[in-house]
């Protein structure tokens, strides 16, 4: 029997009997694991449904349609009654509401740090292992979170007030400049 549990909608614990062999994902049903494997662990070349606006690709037409609707439109059907925050998924709204309640049900067994969602706990666990799975293609920068790499690697935008001296790439993101500054003050490309 699995030692980790998931809560069902009515609050009862459900054993996570299905585990991904490639990542920490766990679920309670075989079809959920199959869907996860298709979405997360299929090579991009094998994904036949591709977004025309970005590099997103999927093995499922419904996933592509959802991606386009939520990433390339302003549609945000779920709104927080407390602060007005809006989002495109119910799960994202549930996570947001937990922040208002200060509820952090996912805690680290190594240090006790707790998080509102399992994804943030998984990212935290990388701090214990020292693993940084996301790497910049232009420099030696590595990080634990994909969004940090995205911010680091954001394409430069014309801004005469912020530029990297060594390669004259203008950027409006101070973190991008800082990310390419060596400890001795010189600039990495």
N, C-alpha and C. Protein backbone atom coordinates (compact mmCIF):
# COMPACT_ATOMS: atom_id res chain seq x y z
N UNK A 1 0.85 -1.19 0.00
CA UNK A 1 0.00 0.00 0.00
C UNK A 1 0.88 1.24 0.00
N UNK A 2 0.52 2.22 -0.75
CA UNK A 2 1.31 3.45 -0.85
C UNK A 2 1.26 4.23 0.46
N UNK A 3 2.38 4.85 0.81
CA UNK A 3 2.43 5.61 2.05
C UNK A 3 1.86 7.01 1.87
N UNK A 4 1.85 7.53 0.64
CA UNK A 4 1.28 8.85 0.39
C UNK A 4 -0.19 8.70 0.05
N UNK A 5 -0.97 9.70 0.40
CA UNK A 5 -2.40 9.65 0.14
C UNK A 5 -2.86 10.92 -0.54
N UNK A 6 -3.96 10.79 -1.25
CA UNK A 6 -4.64 11.94 -1.84
C UNK A 6 -6.02 12.01 -1.20
N UNK A 7 -6.54 13.21 -1.11
CA UNK A 7 -7.88 13.39 -0.57
C UNK A 7 -8.87 13.36 -1.73
N UNK A 8 -9.96 12.65 -1.52
CA UNK A 8 -11.02 12.67 -2.51
C UNK A 8 -11.85 13.93 -2.28
N UNK A 9 -12.83 14.17 -3.12
CA UNK A 9 -13.66 15.36 -3.00
C UNK A 9 -14.38 15.39 -1.66
N UNK A 10 -14.80 14.23 -1.16
CA UNK A 10 -15.51 14.21 0.12
C UNK A 10 -14.57 14.18 1.32
N UNK A 11 -13.26 14.31 1.11
CA UNK A 11 -12.31 14.43 2.21
C UNK A 11 -11.68 13.12 2.67
N UNK A 12 -12.10 12.00 2.10
CA UNK A 12 -11.52 10.71 2.50
C UNK A 12 -10.17 10.51 1.82
N UNK A 13 -9.26 9.81 2.51
CA UNK A 13 -7.95 9.52 1.93
C UNK A 13 -8.07 8.43 0.87
N UNK A 14 -7.39 8.63 -0.24
CA UNK A 14 -7.32 7.63 -1.29
C UNK A 14 -5.85 7.27 -1.49
N UNK A 15 -5.55 6.00 -1.55
CA UNK A 15 -4.16 5.58 -1.76
C UNK A 15 -3.73 5.94 -3.18
N UNK A 16 -2.51 6.41 -3.32
CA UNK A 16 -1.95 6.73 -4.64
C UNK A 16 -1.26 5.48 -5.17
N UNK A 17 -2.04 4.59 -5.77
CA UNK A 17 -1.52 3.30 -6.19
C UNK A 17 -0.74 3.34 -7.51
N UNK A 18 -0.89 4.41 -8.27
CA UNK A 18 -0.23 4.49 -9.57
C UNK A 18 0.83 5.58 -9.52
N UNK A 19 2.08 5.20 -9.82
CA UNK A 19 3.21 6.12 -9.74
C UNK A 19 3.94 6.17 -11.07
N UNK A 20 4.31 7.37 -11.47
CA UNK A 20 5.07 7.56 -12.70
C UNK A 20 6.51 7.09 -12.48
N UNK A 21 7.05 6.38 -13.45
CA UNK A 21 8.43 5.89 -13.34
C UNK A 21 9.46 6.97 -13.68
N UNK A 22 9.00 8.11 -14.23
CA UNK A 22 9.92 9.16 -14.67
C UNK A 22 9.96 10.39 -13.76
N UNK A 23 8.93 10.59 -12.94
CA UNK A 23 8.86 11.78 -12.08
C UNK A 23 8.05 11.44 -10.83
N UNK A 24 7.91 12.38 -9.88
CA UNK A 24 7.21 12.08 -8.63
C UNK A 24 5.68 11.99 -8.73
N UNK A 25 5.11 12.13 -9.92
CA UNK A 25 3.66 12.12 -10.08
C UNK A 25 3.05 10.82 -9.55
N UNK A 26 1.95 10.96 -8.81
CA UNK A 26 1.18 9.82 -8.30
C UNK A 26 -0.30 10.09 -8.55
N UNK A 27 -1.07 9.02 -8.73
CA UNK A 27 -2.51 9.18 -8.93
C UNK A 27 -3.24 7.94 -8.44
N UNK A 28 -4.56 8.01 -8.49
CA UNK A 28 -5.37 6.93 -7.94
C UNK A 28 -5.98 6.03 -9.01
N UNK A 29 -5.82 6.38 -10.29
CA UNK A 29 -6.44 5.58 -11.35
C UNK A 29 -5.47 5.37 -12.52
N UNK A 30 -5.58 4.22 -13.13
CA UNK A 30 -4.73 3.84 -14.26
C UNK A 30 -4.84 4.84 -15.41
N UNK A 31 -6.07 5.26 -15.74
CA UNK A 31 -6.25 6.19 -16.86
C UNK A 31 -5.58 7.54 -16.59
N UNK A 32 -5.49 7.95 -15.32
CA UNK A 32 -4.81 9.20 -14.98
C UNK A 32 -3.31 9.07 -15.26
N UNK A 33 -2.73 7.93 -14.91
CA UNK A 33 -1.31 7.70 -15.16
C UNK A 33 -1.03 7.67 -16.66
N UNK A 34 -1.88 6.99 -17.43
CA UNK A 34 -1.69 6.93 -18.89
C UNK A 34 -1.75 8.33 -19.50
N UNK A 35 -2.71 9.13 -19.06
CA UNK A 35 -2.83 10.49 -19.56
C UNK A 35 -1.60 11.32 -19.19
N UNK A 36 -1.12 11.17 -17.95
CA UNK A 36 0.08 11.87 -17.51
C UNK A 36 1.29 11.49 -18.38
N UNK A 37 1.48 10.21 -18.62
CA UNK A 37 2.61 9.74 -19.43
C UNK A 37 2.56 10.32 -20.84
N UNK A 38 1.37 10.35 -21.42
CA UNK A 38 1.22 10.91 -22.77
C UNK A 38 1.53 12.40 -22.78
N UNK A 39 0.99 13.15 -21.79
CA UNK A 39 1.15 14.60 -21.77
C UNK A 39 2.55 15.05 -21.38
N UNK A 40 3.16 14.37 -20.41
CA UNK A 40 4.42 14.86 -19.84
C UNK A 40 5.68 14.14 -20.32
N UNK A 41 5.54 12.92 -20.81
CA UNK A 41 6.75 12.14 -21.12
C UNK A 41 6.78 11.60 -22.55
N UNK A 42 6.07 12.26 -23.44
CA UNK A 42 6.13 11.90 -24.85
C UNK A 42 7.04 12.90 -25.55
N UNK A 43 7.92 12.42 -26.41
CA UNK A 43 8.85 13.30 -27.13
C UNK A 43 8.07 14.29 -27.99
N UNK A 44 8.55 15.53 -28.05
CA UNK A 44 7.88 16.60 -28.83
C UNK A 44 7.62 16.17 -30.28
N UNK A 45 8.57 15.42 -30.85
CA UNK A 45 8.43 15.01 -32.25
C UNK A 45 7.21 14.11 -32.45
N UNK A 46 6.81 13.38 -31.41
CA UNK A 46 5.69 12.46 -31.51
C UNK A 46 4.35 13.14 -31.26
N UNK A 47 4.37 14.38 -30.82
CA UNK A 47 3.13 15.09 -30.51
C UNK A 47 2.59 15.73 -31.78
N UNK A 48 1.41 15.27 -32.21
CA UNK A 48 0.92 15.71 -33.51
C UNK A 48 0.06 16.97 -33.47
N UNK A 49 -0.36 17.41 -32.30
CA UNK A 49 -1.16 18.63 -32.20
C UNK A 49 -0.27 19.76 -31.71
N UNK A 50 -0.01 20.74 -32.60
CA UNK A 50 0.95 21.81 -32.30
C UNK A 50 0.28 23.18 -32.34
N UNK A 51 0.67 24.01 -31.41
CA UNK A 51 0.16 25.38 -31.33
C UNK A 51 0.82 26.22 -32.42
N UNK A 52 0.03 27.04 -33.10
CA UNK A 52 0.58 27.89 -34.16
C UNK A 52 1.18 29.18 -33.59
N UNK A 53 0.93 29.46 -32.30
CA UNK A 53 1.42 30.70 -31.70
C UNK A 53 2.67 30.54 -30.85
N UNK A 54 2.98 29.31 -30.45
CA UNK A 54 4.17 29.08 -29.62
C UNK A 54 4.67 27.65 -29.83
N UNK A 55 5.59 27.20 -29.02
CA UNK A 55 6.20 25.88 -29.22
C UNK A 55 5.43 24.75 -28.55
N UNK A 56 4.28 25.03 -27.95
CA UNK A 56 3.50 23.99 -27.27
C UNK A 56 3.07 22.91 -28.25
N UNK A 57 3.15 21.65 -27.79
CA UNK A 57 2.67 20.52 -28.59
C UNK A 57 2.04 19.51 -27.65
N UNK A 58 1.09 18.73 -28.17
CA UNK A 58 0.39 17.76 -27.34
C UNK A 58 0.02 16.53 -28.16
N UNK A 59 -0.23 15.45 -27.46
CA UNK A 59 -0.72 14.24 -28.11
C UNK A 59 -2.24 14.24 -28.14
N UNK A 60 -2.85 15.18 -27.43
CA UNK A 60 -4.31 15.25 -27.34
C UNK A 60 -4.83 16.56 -27.93
N UNK A 61 -5.82 16.47 -28.81
CA UNK A 61 -6.43 17.67 -29.40
C UNK A 61 -7.06 18.53 -28.31
N UNK A 62 -7.73 17.91 -27.36
CA UNK A 62 -8.40 18.67 -26.29
C UNK A 62 -7.39 19.48 -25.48
N UNK A 63 -6.22 18.92 -25.24
CA UNK A 63 -5.19 19.64 -24.49
C UNK A 63 -4.70 20.86 -25.27
N UNK A 64 -4.54 20.72 -26.59
CA UNK A 64 -4.14 21.86 -27.42
C UNK A 64 -5.22 22.94 -27.40
N UNK A 65 -6.48 22.53 -27.52
CA UNK A 65 -7.57 23.51 -27.50
C UNK A 65 -7.61 24.26 -26.17
N UNK A 66 -7.40 23.53 -25.08
CA UNK A 66 -7.37 24.15 -23.75
C UNK A 66 -6.18 25.12 -23.65
N UNK A 67 -5.02 24.70 -24.15
CA UNK A 67 -3.83 25.55 -24.14
C UNK A 67 -4.11 26.86 -24.88
N UNK A 68 -4.64 26.78 -26.09
CA UNK A 68 -4.91 27.97 -26.89
C UNK A 68 -5.90 28.88 -26.18
N UNK A 69 -6.96 28.29 -25.64
CA UNK A 69 -7.99 29.08 -24.96
C UNK A 69 -7.43 29.83 -23.76
N UNK A 70 -6.57 29.17 -22.97
CA UNK A 70 -6.11 29.77 -21.73
C UNK A 70 -4.79 30.53 -21.84
N UNK A 71 -3.95 30.19 -22.80
CA UNK A 71 -2.66 30.86 -22.91
C UNK A 71 -2.65 31.99 -23.94
N UNK A 72 -3.51 31.90 -24.94
CA UNK A 72 -3.47 32.88 -26.01
C UNK A 72 -4.74 33.72 -26.11
N UNK A 73 -5.60 33.63 -25.11
CA UNK A 73 -6.76 34.51 -25.01
C UNK A 73 -6.77 35.08 -23.60
N UNK A 74 -7.64 36.01 -23.35
CA UNK A 74 -7.74 36.64 -22.03
C UNK A 74 -8.77 35.93 -21.14
N UNK A 75 -9.28 34.78 -21.60
CA UNK A 75 -10.32 34.10 -20.86
C UNK A 75 -9.83 33.63 -19.49
N UNK A 76 -10.49 34.10 -18.44
CA UNK A 76 -10.18 33.73 -17.06
C UNK A 76 -11.51 33.57 -16.33
N UNK A 77 -12.17 32.42 -16.49
CA UNK A 77 -13.53 32.28 -15.97
C UNK A 77 -13.66 32.16 -14.44
N UNK A 78 -12.58 31.91 -13.73
CA UNK A 78 -12.66 31.73 -12.28
C UNK A 78 -12.10 32.96 -11.58
N UNK A 79 -12.96 33.62 -10.76
CA UNK A 79 -12.54 34.85 -10.08
C UNK A 79 -12.66 34.70 -8.57
N UNK A 80 -11.64 35.20 -7.87
CA UNK A 80 -11.60 35.17 -6.41
C UNK A 80 -12.53 36.27 -5.87
N UNK A 81 -13.43 35.89 -4.97
CA UNK A 81 -14.34 36.84 -4.36
C UNK A 81 -13.68 37.73 -3.32
N UNK A 82 -12.47 37.38 -2.91
CA UNK A 82 -11.77 38.14 -1.87
C UNK A 82 -10.95 39.27 -2.47
N UNK A 83 -10.17 38.97 -3.51
CA UNK A 83 -9.23 39.97 -4.04
C UNK A 83 -9.42 40.30 -5.52
N UNK A 84 -10.28 39.57 -6.22
CA UNK A 84 -10.49 39.85 -7.64
C UNK A 84 -9.56 39.12 -8.59
N UNK A 85 -8.61 38.35 -8.06
CA UNK A 85 -7.70 37.56 -8.91
C UNK A 85 -8.54 36.65 -9.79
N UNK A 86 -8.16 36.51 -11.07
CA UNK A 86 -8.87 35.58 -11.95
C UNK A 86 -7.87 34.64 -12.61
N UNK A 87 -8.35 33.46 -12.92
CA UNK A 87 -7.49 32.44 -13.51
C UNK A 87 -8.30 31.57 -14.46
N UNK A 88 -7.61 30.71 -15.18
CA UNK A 88 -8.28 29.90 -16.19
C UNK A 88 -8.62 28.49 -15.72
N UNK A 89 -8.15 28.06 -14.55
CA UNK A 89 -8.48 26.71 -14.09
C UNK A 89 -9.01 26.71 -12.67
N UNK A 90 -9.87 25.77 -12.39
CA UNK A 90 -10.44 25.62 -11.06
C UNK A 90 -9.35 25.23 -10.06
N UNK A 91 -8.40 24.39 -10.48
CA UNK A 91 -7.33 23.97 -9.57
C UNK A 91 -6.44 25.16 -9.20
N UNK A 92 -6.19 26.03 -10.15
CA UNK A 92 -5.40 27.23 -9.87
C UNK A 92 -6.14 28.15 -8.89
N UNK A 93 -7.45 28.25 -9.03
CA UNK A 93 -8.24 29.07 -8.10
C UNK A 93 -8.23 28.45 -6.71
N UNK A 94 -8.32 27.13 -6.63
CA UNK A 94 -8.27 26.46 -5.32
C UNK A 94 -6.94 26.73 -4.63
N UNK A 95 -5.86 26.67 -5.38
CA UNK A 95 -4.52 26.96 -4.85
C UNK A 95 -4.44 28.41 -4.38
N UNK A 96 -5.00 29.32 -5.17
CA UNK A 96 -5.02 30.74 -4.81
C UNK A 96 -5.80 30.96 -3.51
N UNK A 97 -6.95 30.34 -3.38
CA UNK A 97 -7.77 30.52 -2.17
C UNK A 97 -7.07 29.96 -0.94
N UNK A 98 -6.29 28.89 -1.10
CA UNK A 98 -5.53 28.36 0.04
C UNK A 98 -4.54 29.40 0.55
N UNK A 99 -4.02 30.22 -0.35
CA UNK A 99 -3.09 31.27 0.06
C UNK A 99 -3.79 32.28 0.97
N UNK A 100 -5.06 32.59 0.67
CA UNK A 100 -5.83 33.49 1.54
C UNK A 100 -6.04 32.86 2.91
N UNK A 101 -6.25 31.56 2.92
CA UNK A 101 -6.51 30.84 4.17
C UNK A 101 -5.23 30.48 4.90
N UNK A 102 -4.10 30.74 4.27
CA UNK A 102 -2.78 30.39 4.81
C UNK A 102 -2.65 28.87 5.02
N UNK A 103 -3.43 28.10 4.25
CA UNK A 103 -3.39 26.65 4.34
C UNK A 103 -2.21 26.12 3.53
N UNK A 104 -1.35 25.35 4.18
CA UNK A 104 -0.19 24.76 3.51
C UNK A 104 -0.10 23.28 3.89
N UNK A 105 -0.93 22.46 3.25
CA UNK A 105 -1.02 21.05 3.65
C UNK A 105 0.15 20.16 3.21
N UNK A 106 1.01 20.64 2.33
CA UNK A 106 2.11 19.82 1.81
C UNK A 106 3.41 20.21 2.51
N UNK A 107 3.94 19.31 3.36
CA UNK A 107 5.14 19.67 4.10
C UNK A 107 6.31 18.73 3.82
N UNK A 108 7.50 19.31 3.92
CA UNK A 108 8.75 18.60 3.67
C UNK A 108 9.08 17.71 4.87
N UNK A 109 9.36 16.46 4.60
CA UNK A 109 9.71 15.52 5.67
C UNK A 109 11.14 15.75 6.17
N UNK A 110 11.93 16.48 5.39
CA UNK A 110 13.33 16.71 5.78
C UNK A 110 13.50 17.92 6.68
N UNK A 111 12.77 19.01 6.40
CA UNK A 111 12.98 20.24 7.18
C UNK A 111 11.71 20.85 7.75
N UNK A 112 10.55 20.33 7.35
CA UNK A 112 9.30 20.84 7.89
C UNK A 112 8.69 22.01 7.14
N UNK A 113 9.36 22.52 6.12
CA UNK A 113 8.79 23.62 5.33
C UNK A 113 7.48 23.16 4.72
N UNK A 114 6.48 24.04 4.68
CA UNK A 114 5.18 23.64 4.14
C UNK A 114 4.74 24.57 3.02
N UNK A 115 3.93 24.00 2.12
CA UNK A 115 3.52 24.70 0.91
C UNK A 115 2.05 24.47 0.64
N UNK A 116 1.44 25.43 -0.07
CA UNK A 116 0.03 25.35 -0.40
C UNK A 116 -0.25 24.29 -1.47
N UNK A 117 0.74 23.99 -2.31
CA UNK A 117 0.51 22.99 -3.35
C UNK A 117 1.71 22.05 -3.51
N UNK A 118 1.42 20.89 -4.06
CA UNK A 118 2.41 19.83 -4.19
C UNK A 118 3.56 20.21 -5.13
N UNK A 119 3.25 21.00 -6.15
CA UNK A 119 4.28 21.41 -7.12
C UNK A 119 5.38 22.20 -6.42
N UNK A 120 5.00 23.13 -5.55
CA UNK A 120 5.99 23.94 -4.84
C UNK A 120 6.81 23.07 -3.88
N UNK A 121 6.18 22.08 -3.27
CA UNK A 121 6.92 21.15 -2.41
C UNK A 121 7.95 20.38 -3.23
N UNK A 122 7.55 19.91 -4.41
CA UNK A 122 8.49 19.19 -5.29
C UNK A 122 9.68 20.08 -5.66
N UNK A 123 9.39 21.35 -5.96
CA UNK A 123 10.48 22.29 -6.28
C UNK A 123 11.39 22.48 -5.07
N UNK A 124 10.79 22.56 -3.87
CA UNK A 124 11.57 22.73 -2.65
C UNK A 124 12.48 21.52 -2.42
N UNK A 125 11.98 20.33 -2.70
CA UNK A 125 12.77 19.11 -2.47
C UNK A 125 14.07 19.14 -3.28
N UNK A 126 14.06 19.82 -4.41
CA UNK A 126 15.28 19.96 -5.21
C UNK A 126 16.35 20.74 -4.45
N UNK A 127 15.94 21.60 -3.52
CA UNK A 127 16.94 22.36 -2.74
C UNK A 127 17.72 21.43 -1.82
N UNK A 128 17.10 20.34 -1.39
CA UNK A 128 17.80 19.38 -0.54
C UNK A 128 18.79 18.54 -1.35
N UNK A 129 18.41 18.22 -2.58
CA UNK A 129 19.29 17.40 -3.42
C UNK A 129 20.33 18.25 -4.15
N UNK A 130 20.08 19.54 -4.26
CA UNK A 130 20.98 20.42 -4.99
C UNK A 130 20.77 20.36 -6.50
N UNK A 131 19.81 19.56 -6.94
CA UNK A 131 19.55 19.40 -8.37
C UNK A 131 18.95 20.68 -8.95
N UNK A 132 19.43 21.08 -10.12
CA UNK A 132 18.90 22.22 -10.85
C UNK A 132 18.64 21.75 -12.28
N UNK A 133 17.44 21.22 -12.54
CA UNK A 133 17.17 20.57 -13.82
C UNK A 133 16.98 21.50 -15.02
N UNK A 134 16.84 22.81 -14.79
CA UNK A 134 16.61 23.73 -15.90
C UNK A 134 17.88 24.54 -16.17
N UNK A 135 18.37 24.50 -17.42
CA UNK A 135 19.63 25.16 -17.77
C UNK A 135 19.45 26.12 -18.94
N UNK A 136 20.13 27.25 -18.86
CA UNK A 136 20.13 28.26 -19.93
C UNK A 136 20.98 27.75 -21.10
N UNK A 137 20.48 27.93 -22.32
CA UNK A 137 21.23 27.52 -23.51
C UNK A 137 22.35 28.50 -23.87
N UNK A 138 22.29 29.71 -23.28
CA UNK A 138 23.27 30.74 -23.63
C UNK A 138 24.40 30.89 -22.63
N UNK A 139 24.22 30.38 -21.42
CA UNK A 139 25.25 30.54 -20.39
C UNK A 139 25.17 29.36 -19.43
N UNK A 140 25.89 29.42 -18.35
CA UNK A 140 25.93 28.30 -17.40
C UNK A 140 24.85 28.37 -16.33
N UNK A 141 23.92 29.30 -16.44
CA UNK A 141 22.85 29.46 -15.45
C UNK A 141 21.99 28.20 -15.38
N UNK A 142 21.74 27.73 -14.16
CA UNK A 142 20.85 26.60 -13.91
C UNK A 142 19.93 26.97 -12.76
N UNK A 143 18.73 26.39 -12.76
CA UNK A 143 17.78 26.71 -11.70
C UNK A 143 16.85 25.53 -11.44
N UNK A 144 16.08 25.66 -10.38
CA UNK A 144 15.17 24.59 -9.96
C UNK A 144 13.79 24.73 -10.58
N UNK A 145 13.42 25.96 -10.98
CA UNK A 145 12.07 26.21 -11.47
C UNK A 145 12.09 26.65 -12.93
N UNK A 146 11.16 26.08 -13.71
CA UNK A 146 11.07 26.40 -15.13
C UNK A 146 10.74 27.88 -15.35
N UNK A 147 9.89 28.45 -14.49
CA UNK A 147 9.54 29.86 -14.67
C UNK A 147 10.73 30.78 -14.41
N UNK A 148 11.64 30.39 -13.51
CA UNK A 148 12.85 31.19 -13.30
C UNK A 148 13.74 31.17 -14.55
N UNK A 149 13.83 30.00 -15.20
CA UNK A 149 14.61 29.92 -16.43
C UNK A 149 13.95 30.78 -17.51
N UNK A 150 12.63 30.74 -17.58
CA UNK A 150 11.92 31.56 -18.55
C UNK A 150 12.20 33.04 -18.34
N UNK A 151 12.19 33.48 -17.08
CA UNK A 151 12.48 34.89 -16.77
C UNK A 151 13.92 35.22 -17.12
N UNK A 152 14.83 34.30 -16.81
CA UNK A 152 16.25 34.51 -17.10
C UNK A 152 16.49 34.60 -18.61
N UNK A 153 15.80 33.75 -19.35
CA UNK A 153 16.04 33.63 -20.79
C UNK A 153 15.11 34.49 -21.64
N UNK A 154 14.31 35.34 -21.00
CA UNK A 154 13.35 36.16 -21.74
C UNK A 154 14.05 36.94 -22.84
N UNK A 155 13.48 36.93 -24.05
CA UNK A 155 14.12 37.65 -25.16
C UNK A 155 14.29 39.13 -24.81
N UNK A 156 15.42 39.70 -25.18
CA UNK A 156 15.66 41.12 -24.89
C UNK A 156 14.66 42.02 -25.60
N UNK A 157 14.28 43.12 -24.94
CA UNK A 157 13.40 44.12 -25.54
C UNK A 157 14.15 45.44 -25.57
N UNK A 158 13.84 46.23 -26.55
CA UNK A 158 14.53 47.51 -26.69
C UNK A 158 14.24 48.40 -25.50
N UNK A 159 15.27 48.75 -24.77
CA UNK A 159 15.17 49.66 -23.64
C UNK A 159 16.54 50.29 -23.46
N UNK A 160 16.71 51.55 -23.85
CA UNK A 160 18.03 52.17 -23.81
C UNK A 160 18.61 52.29 -22.41
N UNK A 161 17.79 52.15 -21.38
CA UNK A 161 18.28 52.31 -20.00
C UNK A 161 18.88 51.04 -19.42
N UNK A 162 18.59 49.89 -19.99
CA UNK A 162 19.12 48.62 -19.49
C UNK A 162 19.76 47.85 -20.62
N UNK A 163 21.06 47.67 -20.58
CA UNK A 163 21.71 46.85 -21.61
C UNK A 163 22.89 46.13 -21.00
N UNK A 164 23.20 44.98 -21.59
CA UNK A 164 24.37 44.23 -21.15
C UNK A 164 25.55 44.75 -21.95
N UNK A 165 26.57 45.30 -21.29
CA UNK A 165 27.67 45.95 -22.00
C UNK A 165 28.42 45.06 -22.98
N UNK A 166 28.59 43.79 -22.68
CA UNK A 166 29.46 42.96 -23.51
C UNK A 166 28.87 42.60 -24.86
N UNK A 167 27.54 42.50 -24.95
CA UNK A 167 26.98 42.08 -26.23
C UNK A 167 25.92 43.03 -26.77
N UNK A 168 25.73 44.16 -26.12
CA UNK A 168 24.79 45.19 -26.55
C UNK A 168 23.36 44.70 -26.71
N UNK A 169 23.00 43.58 -26.10
CA UNK A 169 21.61 43.16 -26.11
C UNK A 169 20.86 43.98 -25.08
N UNK A 170 19.86 44.70 -25.53
CA UNK A 170 19.07 45.50 -24.60
C UNK A 170 18.03 44.60 -23.94
N UNK A 171 17.72 44.88 -22.71
CA UNK A 171 16.72 44.10 -22.00
C UNK A 171 16.00 44.98 -21.00
N UNK A 172 14.75 44.69 -20.77
CA UNK A 172 14.03 45.42 -19.75
C UNK A 172 13.91 44.58 -18.48
N UNK A 173 14.66 43.51 -18.39
CA UNK A 173 14.61 42.65 -17.21
C UNK A 173 15.95 42.70 -16.49
N UNK A 174 15.94 43.34 -15.34
CA UNK A 174 17.16 43.45 -14.55
C UNK A 174 17.69 42.07 -14.19
N UNK A 175 16.77 41.11 -13.93
CA UNK A 175 17.22 39.77 -13.55
C UNK A 175 18.01 39.11 -14.68
N UNK A 176 17.67 39.43 -15.93
CA UNK A 176 18.40 38.87 -17.06
C UNK A 176 19.83 39.39 -17.07
N UNK A 177 19.98 40.68 -16.81
CA UNK A 177 21.32 41.27 -16.74
C UNK A 177 22.08 40.66 -15.58
N UNK A 178 21.46 40.64 -14.41
CA UNK A 178 22.11 40.11 -13.21
C UNK A 178 22.49 38.65 -13.43
N UNK A 179 21.62 37.90 -14.12
CA UNK A 179 21.89 36.49 -14.39
C UNK A 179 23.12 36.26 -15.23
N UNK A 180 23.55 37.27 -15.96
CA UNK A 180 24.72 37.13 -16.81
C UNK A 180 25.94 37.90 -16.31
N UNK A 181 25.91 38.31 -15.06
CA UNK A 181 27.06 39.00 -14.47
C UNK A 181 27.86 38.02 -13.63
N UNK A 182 29.15 37.88 -13.91
CA UNK A 182 30.03 37.01 -13.13
C UNK A 182 30.29 37.63 -11.76
N UNK A 183 30.80 36.83 -10.84
CA UNK A 183 31.10 37.33 -9.51
C UNK A 183 32.13 38.45 -9.53
N UNK A 184 33.03 38.45 -10.50
CA UNK A 184 34.04 39.51 -10.57
C UNK A 184 33.52 40.77 -11.27
N UNK A 185 32.25 40.78 -11.66
CA UNK A 185 31.65 41.96 -12.28
C UNK A 185 31.65 41.95 -13.79
N UNK A 186 32.37 41.02 -14.41
CA UNK A 186 32.37 40.95 -15.87
C UNK A 186 31.06 40.33 -16.34
N UNK A 187 30.72 40.56 -17.59
CA UNK A 187 29.44 40.11 -18.15
C UNK A 187 29.64 38.85 -18.98
N UNK A 188 28.79 37.83 -18.69
CA UNK A 188 28.77 36.63 -19.53
C UNK A 188 27.83 36.88 -20.69
N UNK A 189 28.08 36.27 -21.85
CA UNK A 189 27.16 36.44 -22.99
C UNK A 189 25.82 35.77 -22.70
